[in-house]
């Protein structure tokens, strides 16, 4: 997907190095945005969420993690890592292919 689709509308980057910028450049952009808008301390990475529920009485989200931790928050952003796991197509004989596989 073109890099522009990874940009926030409120923090456009007109200086991408390429139509398909490399991962480190995308990471630097995300870190810049988090720092600029002061949300870094509120982010949690590499968490396996087992359950979320909205507590209407207290107006907060309750999020349960696989490691037993529980967080409450006013906001919940589902960042499921959709693009972090490669999904190679099911091609007959691919397991015996000796060349480099890219997707």
C-alpha atoms as a PDB file:
ATOM      1  CA  UNK A   1       0.000   0.000   0.000  1.00  0.00           C
ATOM      2  CA  UNK A   2       1.320   3.469  -0.770  1.00  0.00           C
ATOM      3  CA  UNK A   3       2.918   5.198   2.185  1.00  0.00           C
ATOM      4  CA  UNK A   4       0.400   8.034   2.120  1.00  0.00           C
ATOM      5  CA  UNK A   5      -2.256   5.592   3.372  1.00  0.00           C
ATOM      6  CA  UNK A   6      -0.273   5.260   6.603  1.00  0.00           C
ATOM      7  CA  UNK A   7      -0.292   9.032   7.195  1.00  0.00           C
ATOM      8  CA  UNK A   8      -2.558  10.820   9.635  1.00  0.00           C
ATOM      9  CA  UNK A   9      -4.741  13.482   8.042  1.00  0.00           C
ATOM     10  CA  UNK A  10      -3.820  15.933  10.800  1.00  0.00           C
ATOM     11  CA  UNK A  11      -0.063  15.314  10.442  1.00  0.00           C
ATOM     12  CA  UNK A  12       0.718  14.866   6.767  1.00  0.00           C
ATOM     13  CA  UNK A  13       4.277  14.119   5.701  1.00  0.00           C
ATOM     14  CA  UNK A  14       5.096  15.628   2.299  1.00  0.00           C
ATOM     15  CA  UNK A  15       8.675  14.325   2.455  1.00  0.00           C
ATOM     16  CA  UNK A  16       8.321  10.548   2.150  1.00  0.00           C
ATOM     17  CA  UNK A  17      11.418   9.112   0.483  1.00  0.00           C
ATOM     18  CA  UNK A  18       9.417   6.791  -1.737  1.00  0.00           C
ATOM     19  CA  UNK A  19       5.877   5.874  -2.738  1.00  0.00           C
ATOM     20  CA  UNK A  20       6.448   2.744  -0.650  1.00  0.00           C
ATOM     21  CA  UNK A  21       8.641   4.030   2.178  1.00  0.00           C
ATOM     22  CA  UNK A  22      10.706   1.472   4.101  1.00  0.00           C
ATOM     23  CA  UNK A  23       9.654   0.241   7.537  1.00  0.00           C
ATOM     24  CA  UNK A  24      12.165   2.304   9.541  1.00  0.00           C
ATOM     25  CA  UNK A  25      10.831   5.481   7.921  1.00  0.00           C
ATOM     26  CA  UNK A  26       7.233   4.556   8.790  1.00  0.00           C
ATOM     27  CA  UNK A  27       8.306   3.783  12.350  1.00  0.00           C
ATOM     28  CA  UNK A  28      10.083   7.142  12.668  1.00  0.00           C
ATOM     29  CA  UNK A  29       6.948   8.929  11.406  1.00  0.00           C
ATOM     30  CA  UNK A  30       4.721   7.143  13.935  1.00  0.00           C
ATOM     31  CA  UNK A  31       7.149   7.885  16.768  1.00  0.00           C
ATOM     32  CA  UNK A  32       7.321  11.550  15.708  1.00  0.00           C
ATOM     33  CA  UNK A  33       3.515  11.831  15.795  1.00  0.00           C
ATOM     34  CA  UNK A  34       3.213  10.102  19.170  1.00  0.00           C
ATOM     35  CA  UNK A  35       5.849  12.374  20.679  1.00  0.00           C
ATOM     36  CA  UNK A  36       4.475  15.571  19.108  1.00  0.00           C
ATOM     37  CA  UNK A  37       0.957  14.915  20.382  1.00  0.00           C
ATOM     38  CA  UNK A  38       2.077  13.698  23.815  1.00  0.00           C
ATOM     39  CA  UNK A  39       0.608  10.211  23.745  1.00  0.00           C
ATOM     40  CA  UNK A  40       3.755   8.090  24.020  1.00  0.00           C
ATOM     41  CA  UNK A  41       3.278   7.367  27.736  1.00  0.00           C
ATOM     42  CA  UNK A  42      -0.247   6.103  27.083  1.00  0.00           C
ATOM     43  CA  UNK A  43       0.669   3.533  24.429  1.00  0.00           C
ATOM     44  CA  UNK A  44       1.036  -0.202  25.065  1.00  0.00           C
ATOM     45  CA  UNK A  45       2.811  -2.415  22.535  1.00  0.00           C
ATOM     46  CA  UNK A  46       2.936  -6.176  21.982  1.00  0.00           C
ATOM     47  CA  UNK A  47      -0.055  -6.864  24.183  1.00  0.00           C
ATOM     48  CA  UNK A  48      -2.367  -9.805  23.674  1.00  0.00           C
ATOM     49  CA  UNK A  49      -5.822  -8.496  24.528  1.00  0.00           C
ATOM     50  CA  UNK A  50      -8.192 -11.209  25.688  1.00  0.00           C
ATOM     51  CA  UNK A  51     -11.238  -9.070  26.444  1.00  0.00           C
ATOM     52  CA  UNK A  52     -12.485  -5.500  26.349  1.00  0.00           C
ATOM     53  CA  UNK A  53     -15.716  -4.174  27.766  1.00  0.00           C
ATOM     54  CA  UNK A  54     -17.180  -0.733  28.243  1.00  0.00           C
ATOM     55  CA  UNK A  55     -18.105   0.020  31.862  1.00  0.00           C
ATOM     56  CA  UNK A  56     -21.110   2.323  31.479  1.00  0.00           C
ATOM     57  CA  UNK A  57     -21.287   3.088  35.192  1.00  0.00           C
ATOM     58  CA  UNK A  58     -17.765   4.578  35.230  1.00  0.00           C
ATOM     59  CA  UNK A  59     -17.579   5.602  31.544  1.00  0.00           C
ATOM     60  CA  UNK A  60     -14.321   3.730  30.917  1.00  0.00           C
ATOM     61  CA  UNK A  61     -13.042   0.826  28.863  1.00  0.00           C
ATOM     62  CA  UNK A  62     -11.731  -2.163  30.803  1.00  0.00           C
ATOM     63  CA  UNK A  63      -9.096  -4.098  28.882  1.00  0.00           C
ATOM     64  CA  UNK A  64      -7.798  -7.495  30.010  1.00  0.00           C
ATOM     65  CA  UNK A  65      -4.441  -8.786  28.758  1.00  0.00           C
ATOM     66  CA  UNK A  66      -3.249 -12.378  28.427  1.00  0.00           C
ATOM     67  CA  UNK A  67      -0.518 -11.785  31.025  1.00  0.00           C
ATOM     68  CA  UNK A  68      -3.151 -10.948  33.668  1.00  0.00           C
ATOM     69  CA  UNK A  69      -2.831  -7.165  33.598  1.00  0.00           C
ATOM     70  CA  UNK A  70      -5.964  -5.041  33.387  1.00  0.00           C
ATOM     71  CA  UNK A  71      -6.175  -1.440  32.186  1.00  0.00           C
ATOM     72  CA  UNK A  72      -8.941   1.109  32.340  1.00  0.00           C
ATOM     73  CA  UNK A  73      -9.098   3.967  29.873  1.00  0.00           C
ATOM     74  CA  UNK A  74     -11.428   6.592  28.495  1.00  0.00           C
ATOM     75  CA  UNK A  75     -10.476   5.651  24.937  1.00  0.00           C
ATOM     76  CA  UNK A  76      -9.669   2.389  23.210  1.00  0.00           C
ATOM     77  CA  UNK A  77      -7.924   2.122  19.852  1.00  0.00           C
ATOM     78  CA  UNK A  78      -7.944  -1.296  18.273  1.00  0.00           C
ATOM     79  CA  UNK A  79      -4.554  -1.652  16.589  1.00  0.00           C
ATOM     80  CA  UNK A  80      -4.675  -5.314  15.727  1.00  0.00           C
ATOM     81  CA  UNK A  81      -1.479  -5.514  13.738  1.00  0.00           C
ATOM     82  CA  UNK A  82      -3.260  -6.510  10.552  1.00  0.00           C
ATOM     83  CA  UNK A  83      -0.135  -6.030   8.456  1.00  0.00           C
ATOM     84  CA  UNK A  84       2.389  -7.573  10.861  1.00  0.00           C
ATOM     85  CA  UNK A  85       1.828 -11.204   9.894  1.00  0.00           C
ATOM     86  CA  UNK A  86       2.570 -12.133   6.282  1.00  0.00           C
ATOM     87  CA  UNK A  87      -0.134 -14.183   4.594  1.00  0.00           C
ATOM     88  CA  UNK A  88       1.354 -16.133   1.715  1.00  0.00           C
ATOM     89  CA  UNK A  89      -1.143 -17.544  -0.766  1.00  0.00           C
ATOM     90  CA  UNK A  90      -1.808 -21.285  -0.708  1.00  0.00           C
ATOM     91  CA  UNK A  91       0.221 -22.437  -3.716  1.00  0.00           C
ATOM     92  CA  UNK A  92       0.627 -26.119  -4.435  1.00  0.00           C
ATOM     93  CA  UNK A  93       4.280 -27.154  -3.978  1.00  0.00           C
ATOM     94  CA  UNK A  94       5.369 -23.939  -2.239  1.00  0.00           C
ATOM     95  CA  UNK A  95       6.884 -25.896   0.662  1.00  0.00           C
ATOM     96  CA  UNK A  96       9.449 -27.450  -1.690  1.00  0.00           C
ATOM     97  CA  UNK A  97      10.325 -24.172  -3.466  1.00  0.00           C
ATOM     98  CA  UNK A  98      13.999 -23.347  -2.797  1.00  0.00           C
ATOM     99  CA  UNK A  99      13.986 -19.717  -3.955  1.00  0.00           C
ATOM    100  CA  UNK A 100      13.199 -16.586  -1.981  1.00  0.00           C
ATOM    101  CA  UNK A 101       9.506 -16.056  -1.200  1.00  0.00           C
ATOM    102  CA  UNK A 102       8.162 -12.516  -1.002  1.00  0.00           C
ATOM    103  CA  UNK A 103       4.690 -11.171  -0.527  1.00  0.00           C
END
